[in-house]
Amino acid sequence: MPQGLGQLSGLDAVIIALYLIAIVALGLYASRQSTTATDYFLAARSSTWPTIGLALLASNISSTTLIGLAGAAYASGIAVYNYEWMASVVLVFFCLFLLPVILRSQVYTMPEFLERRFDGSIRLYFSGLTIFLNIVVDTAGTLFGGALMFKLIFPDVPLWQIAGLLALAAGAYTAAGGLKAVLVTEVVQAVILCGASVFVAVFAFDKAGGWDAVMAGVDAQKMSLIRPASDETLPWTGLISGVPLIGLYFWCTNQFMVQRVLSAKDLNHGRWGSLFAGLLKLPVLFLMVLPGSAAILMYPNLERPDLVYPTLIFDLLPVGIIGIVVAGFLAAIMSSIASTFNSASTLVTMDFVRRFNPDVSQTSLVRIGRITTLCFMVLSVAWVPVVETMTDTLWQYLQAVLAYAVPPVVALFLAGIFWRRANVAGARAGVIVGLLAGGYLFHGVQVAGSIHLHFLLAATLLFALSLAAVIIASLMTAPPDRAKTETLMWTRADFDAETRSLRGQPLWQNYRVQGAALLALTAVIVWLFR
């Protein structure tokens, strides 16, 4: 590790402090109008597409992402970018098929949608699972990544105390203002984050000798997105099966992402914002992944891949720029933490409290949401030491946990939206089979090592088993009431009606044209780095 890593100049410290004060103040200022449950949890359903797109990016790009992408590229190559470009494909699918149905239902949470399509037991299962994943995967992983960075600056401060301060900073305005405060701050944070990433990428490539030097100097296999089926990091078989499944969960059903789209003022803004987020994901290869590849040439002997991103910042950047980039890193941490805190408190309040006490007042719902946010701050900080012991890289931790937990949920959503015959018995069977098979595979693959199966292929197998259970149990029992499923499914008739309505719309506003252009651009990037 380079000498002096983690040292901050007075100017850098001032920049970081001013950013922290300003973003918390902005969040608290935006919290003034959050009085009803719709205001607090869905920003009064008034968000426009630029806000939604930037908020989705800021929520998605956490410290886990910044440290994890660079670290994975350093350790095993740029194949980790497959998770990023796949988001564009998944978001096009989301806009075309799922989003119209979800917004039409006017739900507060994604588990609430499953209750309307199936029953309350499925809602409680999915809500509990999402809350668990929000704490042990999303928030704790983000806090650990952030604490890892700031531990270099403050080596004498315990890791959990750094994580606690980060959680407190983001939790303060989240508890006060709900989604409105989160969205306002995320727009600012997304801009700062992108600008900071540009600085890191430019200085990294310059130090490594330029683009051509990096392309020629790094092993060709590490610069390829498409890996052989035997690859231990990301085989092509897992790319076409497991990666889309994780993407479908993360972008289409995960409350902490979809909640931004649920706040859209109308369907068009929801679609445009989602596609804008997909577009913003494509430059991640150049801004966050390839700098990790450049680090192979500069720092070939780092003791841990997760140190790549901090090393690039503190060893390459000049005074003043370090402060801006660390502020961008702080933006990634706070936006992601705020997102998960807000979504978890929404799930607890709307899926548990209001469900069992439907007469609770709007004021009480907001107060419960704030208290819940504070509780999750404590729980996520407590889980940080566990994350530290579980894996070599943050990215591996994030994807592996999701692979064993979420395939049954994806099976339920897809069956429920596209197959009218899917019923409550099928949904329950899918959950039970998914839980049992997921537990068995997780122990055999990740714990005991007795099963040799890549976690992405394990996710594919779990999805297939869960979907088969849904189909078999649904066919063996009575079909659901047609009136119950009528507005909760995608139908060809709705698609045809929408096609007719789009004929008079300018091409640049037509989400299908936008989606096709996004897919074409994605295909070009994948082809160039195949």
Protein backbone atom coordinates (compact mmCIF):
# COMPACT_ATOMS: atom_id res chain seq x y z
CA MET A 1 0.00 0.00 0.00
CA PRO A 2 1.37 3.46 -0.89
CA GLN A 3 2.82 5.46 1.96
CA GLY A 4 0.62 8.22 3.35
CA LEU A 5 -2.59 6.58 2.17
CA GLY A 6 -5.58 8.17 3.88
CA GLN A 7 -3.97 11.52 4.73
CA LEU A 8 -6.29 14.50 4.24
CA SER A 9 -5.19 18.09 3.74
CA GLY A 10 -6.98 20.89 5.54
CA LEU A 11 -8.67 21.94 2.28
CA ASP A 12 -9.94 18.41 1.62
CA ALA A 13 -11.29 18.14 5.17
CA VAL A 14 -13.13 21.46 4.80
CA ILE A 15 -14.70 20.37 1.49
CA ILE A 16 -15.93 17.10 3.00
CA ALA A 17 -17.28 18.83 6.12
CA LEU A 18 -19.09 21.48 4.08
CA TYR A 19 -20.64 18.82 1.86
CA LEU A 20 -21.82 16.80 4.85
CA ILE A 21 -23.39 19.83 6.54
CA ALA A 22 -25.01 21.03 3.31
CA ILE A 23 -26.56 17.69 2.35
CA VAL A 24 -28.02 17.08 5.82
CA ALA A 25 -29.36 20.65 5.89
CA LEU A 26 -30.91 20.19 2.43
CA GLY A 27 -32.55 16.95 3.52
CA LEU A 28 -33.97 18.54 6.67
CA TYR A 29 -35.21 21.53 4.65
CA ALA A 30 -36.99 19.21 2.20
CA SER A 31 -38.67 17.38 5.08
CA ARG A 32 -40.94 20.32 5.96
CA GLN A 33 -43.87 19.20 3.79
CA SER A 34 -44.00 15.51 4.77
CA THR A 35 -47.22 15.40 6.79
CA THR A 36 -49.30 12.52 5.36
CA ALA A 37 -48.32 8.92 4.66
CA THR A 38 -48.36 9.57 0.91
CA ASP A 39 -46.08 12.58 1.39
CA TYR A 40 -43.69 10.72 3.67
CA PHE A 41 -43.48 7.35 1.93
CA LEU A 42 -44.14 8.24 -1.74
CA ALA A 43 -43.23 11.95 -2.02
CA ALA A 44 -46.90 12.77 -2.75
CA ARG A 45 -46.64 10.74 -6.01
CA SER A 46 -45.32 13.84 -7.77
CA SER A 47 -41.80 12.89 -8.93
CA THR A 48 -40.70 13.71 -12.49
CA TRP A 49 -38.44 11.62 -14.71
CA PRO A 50 -35.10 13.40 -14.11
CA THR A 51 -35.57 13.07 -10.35
CA ILE A 52 -36.51 9.40 -10.65
CA GLY A 53 -33.58 8.56 -12.92
CA LEU A 54 -30.97 10.35 -10.81
CA ALA A 55 -32.45 8.96 -7.59
CA LEU A 56 -32.34 5.40 -8.96
CA LEU A 57 -28.68 5.86 -9.87
CA ALA A 58 -27.79 7.40 -6.51
CA SER A 59 -29.64 4.63 -4.64
CA ASN A 60 -27.92 1.95 -6.68
CA ILE A 61 -24.36 3.32 -6.61
CA SER A 62 -23.33 2.81 -3.01
CA SER A 63 -19.93 2.46 -1.36
CA THR A 64 -20.40 -1.26 -1.99
CA THR A 65 -20.58 -0.51 -5.69
CA LEU A 66 -17.65 1.92 -5.85
CA ILE A 67 -15.33 -0.29 -3.81
CA GLY A 68 -16.77 -3.57 -5.07
CA LEU A 69 -16.62 -2.85 -8.80
CA ALA A 70 -13.05 -1.57 -8.75
CA GLY A 71 -11.98 -4.40 -6.44
CA ALA A 72 -13.63 -7.09 -8.57
CA ALA A 73 -12.11 -5.66 -11.76
CA TYR A 74 -8.69 -5.70 -10.07
CA ALA A 75 -9.07 -9.26 -8.76
CA SER A 76 -10.85 -11.07 -11.58
CA GLY A 77 -11.58 -8.68 -14.45
CA ILE A 78 -14.30 -6.50 -15.94
CA ALA A 79 -16.90 -9.29 -16.07
CA VAL A 80 -18.39 -7.67 -12.98
CA TYR A 81 -19.76 -4.99 -15.36
CA ASN A 82 -22.25 -7.57 -16.64
CA TYR A 83 -24.40 -6.77 -13.61
CA GLU A 84 -24.40 -3.11 -14.66
CA TRP A 85 -25.31 -3.35 -18.34
CA MET A 86 -27.91 -6.00 -17.57
CA ALA A 87 -29.73 -3.32 -15.57
CA SER A 88 -30.50 -1.51 -18.83
CA VAL A 89 -32.06 -4.65 -20.33
CA VAL A 90 -34.05 -5.36 -17.18
CA LEU A 91 -35.33 -1.77 -16.95
CA VAL A 92 -36.62 -1.91 -20.54
CA PHE A 93 -38.51 -5.11 -19.62
CA PHE A 94 -39.77 -3.40 -16.46
CA CYS A 95 -41.13 -0.39 -18.37
CA LEU A 96 -42.77 -2.52 -21.03
CA PHE A 97 -44.52 -5.12 -18.90
CA LEU A 98 -44.39 -4.65 -15.12
CA LEU A 99 -44.52 -0.91 -14.44
CA PRO A 100 -47.98 -0.26 -15.96
CA VAL A 101 -49.50 -2.98 -13.79
CA ILE A 102 -47.72 -1.85 -10.63
CA LEU A 103 -48.58 1.86 -10.97
CA ARG A 104 -52.18 1.01 -11.86
CA SER A 105 -52.53 -0.83 -8.56
CA GLN A 106 -51.67 2.36 -6.58
CA VAL A 107 -49.82 0.36 -3.91
CA TYR A 108 -47.37 1.79 -1.36
CA THR A 109 -45.11 -1.28 -1.36
CA MET A 110 -44.25 -4.19 -3.61
CA PRO A 111 -45.30 -6.76 -0.96
CA GLU A 112 -48.70 -5.03 -0.94
CA PHE A 113 -48.98 -5.82 -4.65
CA LEU A 114 -48.37 -9.52 -3.94
CA GLU A 115 -51.13 -9.46 -1.32
CA ARG A 116 -53.62 -8.12 -3.84
CA ARG A 117 -52.55 -10.71 -6.40
CA PHE A 118 -52.31 -13.62 -3.95
CA ASP A 119 -52.92 -13.12 -0.20
CA GLY A 120 -51.63 -11.57 3.01
CA SER A 121 -49.25 -14.39 3.94
CA ILE A 122 -47.24 -13.84 0.75
CA ARG A 123 -47.12 -10.12 1.48
CA LEU A 124 -45.74 -10.68 4.97
CA TYR A 125 -43.13 -13.15 3.71
CA PHE A 126 -41.84 -10.85 0.99
CA SER A 127 -41.90 -7.80 3.23
CA GLY A 128 -39.96 -9.60 5.97
CA LEU A 129 -37.43 -10.92 3.44
CA THR A 130 -36.94 -7.45 1.94
CA ILE A 131 -36.42 -5.85 5.34
CA PHE A 132 -33.86 -8.53 6.20
CA LEU A 133 -31.99 -8.03 2.93
CA ASN A 134 -32.12 -4.26 3.31
CA ILE A 135 -30.30 -4.54 6.63
CA VAL A 136 -27.82 -7.41 6.15
CA VAL A 137 -27.02 -6.83 2.46
CA ASP A 138 -27.75 -3.30 1.33
CA THR A 139 -27.24 -1.09 4.38
CA ALA A 140 -24.65 -3.11 6.29
CA GLY A 141 -22.61 -3.69 3.11
CA THR A 142 -22.72 0.03 2.30
CA LEU A 143 -21.73 1.00 5.84
CA PHE A 144 -18.85 -1.47 5.81
CA GLY A 145 -17.58 -0.15 2.47
CA GLY A 146 -17.81 3.42 3.73
CA ALA A 147 -16.18 2.61 7.03
CA LEU A 148 -13.36 0.81 5.20
CA MET A 149 -12.58 4.02 3.32
CA PHE A 150 -12.77 6.34 6.32
CA LYS A 151 -10.79 3.90 8.44
CA LEU A 152 -7.82 4.86 6.26
CA ILE A 153 -8.35 8.50 7.20
CA PHE A 154 -9.05 7.84 10.86
CA PRO A 155 -7.07 4.65 11.63
CA ASP A 156 -7.55 4.93 15.40
CA VAL A 157 -11.35 5.09 15.27
CA PRO A 158 -13.10 1.67 15.53
CA LEU A 159 -14.87 0.51 12.39
CA TRP A 160 -18.29 0.34 14.05
CA GLN A 161 -18.03 3.93 15.28
CA ILE A 162 -17.33 5.18 11.75
CA ALA A 163 -20.28 3.14 10.48
CA GLY A 164 -22.44 4.59 13.24
CA LEU A 165 -21.60 8.17 12.28
CA LEU A 166 -22.37 7.47 8.62
CA ALA A 167 -25.70 5.89 9.53
CA LEU A 168 -26.57 8.79 11.82
CA ALA A 169 -25.84 11.39 9.12
CA ALA A 170 -28.07 9.73 6.54
CA GLY A 171 -30.71 8.61 9.02
CA ALA A 172 -31.26 12.12 10.41
CA TYR A 173 -32.92 13.63 7.34
CA THR A 174 -34.45 10.30 6.25
CA ALA A 175 -36.33 9.97 9.54
CA ALA A 176 -37.39 13.62 9.40
CA GLY A 177 -38.53 13.91 5.80
CA GLY A 178 -39.14 10.48 4.31
CA LEU A 179 -38.91 9.87 0.57
CA LYS A 180 -39.21 13.55 -0.40
CA ALA A 181 -36.06 14.41 1.55
CA VAL A 182 -34.31 11.34 0.17
CA LEU A 183 -35.17 12.21 -3.45
CA VAL A 184 -34.07 15.83 -3.14
CA THR A 185 -30.70 14.89 -1.68
CA GLU A 186 -30.22 12.00 -4.13
CA VAL A 187 -30.44 14.30 -7.14
CA VAL A 188 -27.57 16.39 -5.75
CA GLN A 189 -25.63 13.31 -4.68
CA ALA A 190 -25.95 11.66 -8.10
CA VAL A 191 -24.40 14.70 -9.81
CA ILE A 192 -21.53 14.87 -7.27
CA LEU A 193 -21.00 11.11 -7.52
CA CYS A 194 -20.71 11.16 -11.32
CA GLY A 195 -18.35 14.13 -11.25
CA ALA A 196 -16.13 12.49 -8.63
CA SER A 197 -16.00 9.26 -10.64
CA VAL A 198 -14.79 11.19 -13.68
CA PHE A 199 -11.86 12.55 -11.64
CA VAL A 200 -10.87 9.08 -10.44
CA ALA A 201 -11.06 7.57 -13.93
CA VAL A 202 -9.08 10.37 -15.60
CA PHE A 203 -6.25 10.32 -13.05
CA ALA A 204 -6.13 6.50 -12.98
CA PHE A 205 -5.76 6.16 -16.75
CA ASP A 206 -3.24 9.00 -16.88
CA LYS A 207 -1.05 7.39 -14.21
CA ALA A 208 -1.31 3.96 -15.88
CA GLY A 209 -0.08 5.39 -19.18
CA GLY A 210 -3.35 6.01 -20.98
CA TRP A 211 -6.15 3.95 -22.49
CA ASP A 212 -3.95 2.01 -24.92
CA ALA A 213 -1.50 1.09 -22.16
CA VAL A 214 -4.26 -0.33 -19.98
CA MET A 215 -5.86 -2.26 -22.85
CA ALA A 216 -2.48 -3.74 -23.83
CA GLY A 217 -1.02 -4.24 -20.36
CA VAL A 218 -3.86 -6.06 -18.60
CA ASP A 219 -4.42 -9.74 -19.32
CA ALA A 220 -6.92 -10.13 -22.18
CA GLN A 221 -9.12 -12.51 -20.19
CA LYS A 222 -9.54 -9.88 -17.48
CA MET A 223 -10.73 -7.40 -20.12
CA SER A 224 -13.48 -9.65 -21.45
CA LEU A 225 -17.15 -9.50 -20.42
CA ILE A 226 -18.02 -12.94 -21.78
CA ARG A 227 -16.31 -15.69 -19.79
CA PRO A 228 -16.21 -19.47 -20.43
CA ALA A 229 -18.66 -21.75 -18.67
CA SER A 230 -15.88 -22.97 -16.37
CA ASP A 231 -15.05 -19.46 -15.11
CA GLU A 232 -15.29 -19.20 -11.33
CA THR A 233 -16.18 -15.50 -11.30
CA LEU A 234 -19.00 -15.11 -13.82
CA PRO A 235 -19.52 -17.92 -16.37
CA TRP A 236 -21.54 -17.08 -19.48
CA THR A 237 -24.16 -19.60 -18.38
CA GLY A 238 -24.69 -17.59 -15.21
CA LEU A 239 -24.68 -14.35 -17.21
CA ILE A 240 -27.68 -15.35 -19.32
CA SER A 241 -29.60 -16.95 -16.46
CA GLY A 242 -28.64 -15.86 -12.94
CA VAL A 243 -27.69 -12.22 -13.61
CA PRO A 244 -31.09 -11.35 -15.15
CA LEU A 245 -32.85 -12.97 -12.18
CA ILE A 246 -30.93 -10.87 -9.66
CA GLY A 247 -31.54 -7.84 -11.87
CA LEU A 248 -35.27 -8.51 -12.00
CA TYR A 249 -35.42 -8.66 -8.23
CA PHE A 250 -33.25 -5.60 -7.67
CA TRP A 251 -34.79 -3.24 -10.24
CA CYS A 252 -38.35 -4.56 -10.58
CA THR A 253 -39.43 -5.86 -7.16
CA ASN A 254 -37.03 -4.48 -4.52
CA GLN A 255 -38.85 -1.82 -2.53
CA PHE A 256 -35.83 0.39 -2.03
CA MET A 257 -35.48 0.83 -5.82
CA VAL A 258 -39.08 0.60 -7.03
CA GLN A 259 -40.28 3.06 -4.38
CA ARG A 260 -38.72 5.86 -6.45
CA VAL A 261 -40.80 4.82 -9.46
CA LEU A 262 -43.94 4.42 -7.33
CA SER A 263 -43.58 8.13 -6.54
CA ALA A 264 -43.89 9.08 -10.24
CA LYS A 265 -46.53 11.66 -11.16
CA ASP A 266 -47.72 9.42 -14.00
CA LEU A 267 -46.78 6.34 -16.02
CA ASN A 268 -44.77 8.27 -18.61
CA HIS A 269 -42.53 9.88 -16.00
CA GLY A 270 -42.06 6.50 -14.33
CA ARG A 271 -40.96 4.97 -17.63
CA TRP A 272 -38.76 7.85 -18.74
CA GLY A 273 -37.08 7.99 -15.33
CA SER A 274 -36.40 4.24 -15.34
CA LEU A 275 -34.90 4.32 -18.83
CA PHE A 276 -32.83 7.38 -17.89
CA ALA A 277 -31.41 5.35 -15.00
CA GLY A 278 -30.61 2.53 -17.42
CA LEU A 279 -28.72 4.99 -19.63
CA LEU A 280 -26.77 6.32 -16.65
CA LYS A 281 -25.64 2.77 -15.78
CA LEU A 282 -23.71 2.32 -19.04
CA PRO A 283 -20.79 4.73 -18.31
CA VAL A 284 -20.11 2.79 -15.09
CA LEU A 285 -17.72 0.59 -17.12
CA PHE A 286 -15.45 3.54 -17.85
CA LEU A 287 -15.88 5.47 -14.60
CA MET A 288 -15.89 2.73 -11.94
CA VAL A 289 -14.83 -0.64 -13.40
CA LEU A 290 -11.90 0.08 -15.72
CA PRO A 291 -10.05 2.23 -13.14
CA GLY A 292 -9.78 -1.03 -11.16
CA SER A 293 -8.19 -2.62 -14.24
CA ALA A 294 -5.74 0.28 -14.51
CA ALA A 295 -4.78 -0.32 -10.88
CA ILE A 296 -3.41 -3.74 -11.84
CA LEU A 297 -0.57 -1.98 -13.64
CA MET A 298 0.07 0.54 -10.87
CA TYR A 299 -0.44 -1.54 -7.71
CA PRO A 300 0.04 -5.23 -8.58
CA ASN A 301 0.49 -6.37 -4.98
CA LEU A 302 -2.36 -4.86 -2.94
CA GLU A 303 -3.16 -7.05 0.06
CA ARG A 304 -6.91 -6.83 -0.53
CA PRO A 305 -8.92 -6.00 -3.70
CA ASP A 306 -11.32 -3.76 -1.74
CA LEU A 307 -8.40 -1.37 -1.16
CA VAL A 308 -8.17 -0.50 -4.86
CA TYR A 309 -10.64 2.38 -4.84
CA PRO A 310 -9.26 4.08 -1.69
CA THR A 311 -5.72 3.66 -3.04
CA LEU A 312 -6.63 5.34 -6.32
CA ILE A 313 -8.11 8.29 -4.44
CA PHE A 314 -5.41 8.93 -1.86
CA ASP A 315 -2.38 8.05 -3.96
CA LEU A 316 -3.26 9.70 -7.29
CA LEU A 317 -5.47 12.71 -6.69
CA PRO A 318 -4.15 16.20 -5.84
CA VAL A 319 -5.19 18.29 -2.84
CA GLY A 320 -8.70 19.64 -3.23
CA ILE A 321 -9.71 17.00 -5.74
CA ILE A 322 -9.42 14.39 -2.97
CA GLY A 323 -11.98 16.32 -0.96
CA ILE A 324 -14.39 16.44 -3.90
CA VAL A 325 -14.01 12.72 -4.64
CA VAL A 326 -14.35 11.69 -0.99
CA ALA A 327 -17.47 13.91 -0.86
CA GLY A 328 -18.74 11.97 -3.89
CA PHE A 329 -17.98 8.73 -2.08
CA LEU A 330 -19.84 10.06 0.94
CA ALA A 331 -22.73 10.94 -1.39
CA ALA A 332 -22.88 7.33 -2.58
CA ILE A 333 -22.93 6.07 1.00
CA MET A 334 -25.59 8.46 2.26
CA SER A 335 -27.92 8.14 -0.72
CA SER A 336 -27.89 4.35 -0.55
CA ILE A 337 -28.30 4.26 3.24
CA ALA A 338 -31.12 6.79 3.11
CA SER A 339 -32.86 4.74 0.42
CA THR A 340 -32.76 1.50 2.36
CA PHE A 341 -33.75 3.14 5.64
CA ASN A 342 -36.74 4.79 3.99
CA SER A 343 -37.88 1.66 2.16
CA ALA A 344 -37.48 -0.56 5.24
CA SER A 345 -39.49 1.86 7.39
CA THR A 346 -42.14 1.98 4.64
CA LEU A 347 -42.41 -1.81 4.66
CA VAL A 348 -42.73 -2.02 8.44
CA THR A 349 -45.27 0.78 8.61
CA MET A 350 -47.47 -0.09 5.63
CA ASP A 351 -47.11 -3.90 5.48
CA PHE A 352 -47.25 -4.65 9.20
CA VAL A 353 -48.54 -1.73 11.26
CA ARG A 354 -51.28 -0.48 8.93
CA ARG A 355 -52.24 -3.99 7.86
CA PHE A 356 -52.95 -5.08 11.42
CA ASN A 357 -54.27 -1.68 12.52
CA PRO A 358 -56.00 -0.13 9.47
CA ASP A 359 -57.50 2.72 11.51
CA VAL A 360 -54.13 4.19 12.51
CA SER A 361 -53.94 7.92 11.72
CA GLN A 362 -51.74 9.52 9.07
CA THR A 363 -49.76 11.31 11.77
CA SER A 364 -49.14 8.05 13.62
CA LEU A 365 -47.97 6.33 10.43
CA VAL A 366 -45.40 9.06 9.83
CA ARG A 367 -44.23 8.91 13.46
CA ILE A 368 -43.91 5.11 13.30
CA GLY A 369 -41.92 5.43 10.08
CA ARG A 370 -39.48 7.79 11.77
CA ILE A 371 -39.05 5.55 14.81
CA THR A 372 -38.51 2.52 12.58
CA THR A 373 -35.81 4.36 10.64
CA LEU A 374 -33.92 5.04 13.85
CA CYS A 375 -34.19 1.37 14.88
CA PHE A 376 -32.78 0.22 11.54
CA MET A 377 -29.86 2.60 11.97
CA VAL A 378 -28.83 0.66 15.07
CA LEU A 379 -29.40 -2.80 13.56
CA SER A 380 -27.43 -2.11 10.39
CA VAL A 381 -24.43 -0.77 12.32
CA ALA A 382 -24.50 -3.88 14.51
CA TRP A 383 -24.29 -6.11 11.41
CA VAL A 384 -21.21 -4.39 9.94
CA PRO A 385 -18.65 -6.57 11.83
CA VAL A 386 -20.42 -9.67 10.45
CA VAL A 387 -20.01 -8.43 6.87
CA GLU A 388 -16.30 -7.91 7.51
CA THR A 389 -15.80 -11.61 8.29
CA MET A 390 -17.97 -13.11 5.54
CA THR A 391 -16.18 -12.59 2.25
CA ASP A 392 -13.07 -11.39 0.45
CA THR A 393 -14.90 -8.77 -1.62
CA LEU A 394 -18.02 -6.71 -1.04
CA TRP A 395 -19.40 -7.48 -4.47
CA GLN A 396 -19.17 -11.23 -3.89
CA TYR A 397 -21.01 -10.82 -0.59
CA LEU A 398 -23.82 -8.79 -2.14
CA GLN A 399 -24.49 -11.02 -5.14
CA ALA A 400 -24.10 -14.34 -3.33
CA VAL A 401 -26.64 -13.51 -0.63
CA LEU A 402 -29.18 -12.31 -3.20
CA ALA A 403 -28.70 -15.43 -5.34
CA TYR A 404 -30.04 -17.74 -2.64
CA ALA A 405 -32.79 -15.44 -1.33
CA VAL A 406 -34.61 -13.79 -4.21
CA PRO A 407 -35.33 -16.29 -7.05
CA PRO A 408 -38.65 -17.45 -5.48
CA VAL A 409 -39.81 -13.82 -5.30
CA VAL A 410 -39.04 -13.29 -8.99
CA ALA A 411 -40.99 -16.47 -9.79
CA LEU A 412 -44.03 -15.17 -7.88
CA PHE A 413 -44.02 -11.78 -9.61
CA LEU A 414 -43.59 -13.18 -13.11
CA ALA A 415 -46.20 -15.90 -12.62
CA GLY A 416 -48.63 -13.47 -11.00
CA ILE A 417 -48.36 -10.80 -13.70
CA PHE A 418 -48.22 -13.04 -16.80
CA TRP A 419 -50.29 -16.14 -15.85
CA ARG A 420 -53.89 -15.71 -14.80
CA ARG A 421 -54.09 -19.27 -13.44
CA ALA A 422 -51.47 -18.61 -10.71
CA ASN A 423 -53.22 -18.73 -7.32
CA VAL A 424 -52.58 -18.56 -3.59
CA ALA A 425 -51.77 -22.28 -3.28
CA GLY A 426 -49.21 -21.96 -6.05
CA ALA A 427 -47.63 -18.90 -4.47
CA ARG A 428 -47.30 -20.60 -1.10
CA ALA A 429 -45.82 -23.72 -2.71
CA GLY A 430 -43.30 -21.58 -4.58
CA VAL A 431 -42.22 -19.87 -1.37
CA ILE A 432 -41.88 -23.12 0.60
CA VAL A 433 -39.93 -24.91 -2.14
CA GLY A 434 -37.72 -21.86 -2.64
CA LEU A 435 -36.94 -21.56 1.06
CA LEU A 436 -36.11 -25.25 1.50
CA ALA A 437 -34.07 -25.54 -1.70
CA GLY A 438 -32.35 -22.20 -1.07
CA GLY A 439 -31.32 -23.21 2.42
CA TYR A 440 -30.03 -26.56 1.19
CA LEU A 441 -28.03 -25.04 -1.67
CA PHE A 442 -26.65 -22.20 0.44
CA HIS A 443 -25.33 -24.66 3.03
CA GLY A 444 -23.99 -27.08 0.42
CA VAL A 445 -22.31 -24.47 -1.79
CA GLN A 446 -21.33 -21.59 0.49
CA VAL A 447 -20.90 -23.23 3.91
CA ALA A 448 -19.94 -26.91 3.58
CA GLY A 449 -18.55 -26.78 0.04
CA SER A 450 -20.07 -30.18 -0.69
CA ILE A 451 -21.92 -28.91 -3.77
CA HIS A 452 -19.84 -27.42 -6.59
CA LEU A 453 -22.20 -24.96 -8.24
CA HIS A 454 -21.71 -21.31 -9.08
CA PHE A 455 -24.10 -19.11 -7.09
CA LEU A 456 -25.59 -17.68 -10.30
CA LEU A 457 -26.45 -21.19 -11.50
CA ALA A 458 -27.83 -21.94 -8.04
CA ALA A 459 -30.10 -18.90 -8.46
CA THR A 460 -31.30 -20.24 -11.81
CA LEU A 461 -32.03 -23.65 -10.30
CA LEU A 462 -33.94 -22.07 -7.40
CA PHE A 463 -36.02 -19.99 -9.80
CA ALA A 464 -36.89 -23.05 -11.90
CA LEU A 465 -37.88 -25.09 -8.82
CA SER A 466 -39.99 -22.28 -7.39
CA LEU A 467 -41.74 -21.56 -10.69
CA ALA A 468 -42.44 -25.27 -11.19
CA ALA A 469 -43.96 -25.41 -7.70
CA VAL A 470 -46.16 -22.40 -8.48
CA ILE A 471 -47.39 -23.98 -11.71
CA ILE A 472 -48.02 -27.47 -10.34
CA ALA A 473 -49.80 -26.33 -7.16
CA SER A 474 -51.89 -23.79 -9.07
CA LEU A 475 -53.04 -26.40 -11.61
CA MET A 476 -53.95 -28.82 -8.81
CA THR A 477 -56.22 -26.29 -7.07
CA ALA A 478 -59.05 -23.97 -7.99
CA PRO A 479 -58.24 -20.94 -10.20
CA PRO A 480 -58.29 -17.48 -8.63
CA ASP A 481 -61.29 -15.19 -8.88
CA ARG A 482 -61.05 -13.46 -12.26
CA ALA A 483 -62.27 -10.16 -10.78
CA LYS A 484 -59.35 -10.21 -8.33
CA THR A 485 -56.71 -10.59 -11.03
CA GLU A 486 -58.28 -8.34 -13.68
CA THR A 487 -56.27 -5.16 -12.99
CA LEU A 488 -53.18 -6.90 -11.58
CA MET A 489 -51.95 -8.56 -14.76
CA TRP A 490 -50.33 -7.61 -18.03
CA THR A 491 -52.61 -8.37 -20.97
CA ARG A 492 -52.22 -8.16 -24.73
CA ALA A 493 -55.35 -6.01 -24.89
CA ASP A 494 -53.71 -3.36 -22.67
CA PHE A 495 -50.58 -3.54 -24.81
CA ASP A 496 -52.55 -3.05 -28.04
CA ALA A 497 -54.51 -0.15 -26.59
CA GLU A 498 -51.29 1.53 -25.54
CA THR A 499 -49.80 0.96 -28.99
CA ARG A 500 -52.69 2.91 -30.50
CA SER A 501 -52.25 5.74 -27.99
CA LEU A 502 -48.53 6.06 -28.80
CA ARG A 503 -49.10 6.70 -32.50
CA GLY A 504 -49.60 10.42 -32.03
CA GLN A 505 -46.71 10.84 -29.60
CA PRO A 506 -43.39 12.37 -30.77
CA LEU A 507 -40.73 9.69 -31.26
CA TRP A 508 -38.41 11.27 -28.70
CA GLN A 509 -41.13 10.87 -26.05
CA ASN A 510 -42.05 7.32 -27.05
CA TYR A 511 -40.67 5.03 -24.35
CA ARG A 512 -40.52 2.11 -26.78
CA VAL A 513 -38.22 4.04 -29.10
CA GLN A 514 -36.15 5.11 -26.09
CA GLY A 515 -35.99 1.51 -24.87
CA ALA A 516 -34.90 0.21 -28.28
CA ALA A 517 -32.16 2.86 -28.47
CA LEU A 518 -30.97 1.94 -24.98
CA LEU A 519 -30.80 -1.76 -25.89
CA ALA A 520 -28.85 -0.96 -29.06
CA LEU A 521 -26.32 1.16 -27.17
CA THR A 522 -25.94 -1.57 -24.55
CA ALA A 523 -25.36 -4.18 -27.26
CA VAL A 524 -22.58 -2.07 -28.80
CA ILE A 525 -20.72 -1.82 -25.49
CA VAL A 526 -21.05 -5.55 -24.79
CA TRP A 527 -19.85 -6.37 -28.31
CA LEU A 528 -16.80 -4.12 -28.04
CA PHE A 529 -15.72 -5.74 -24.75
CA ARG A 530 -16.86 -9.28 -25.46
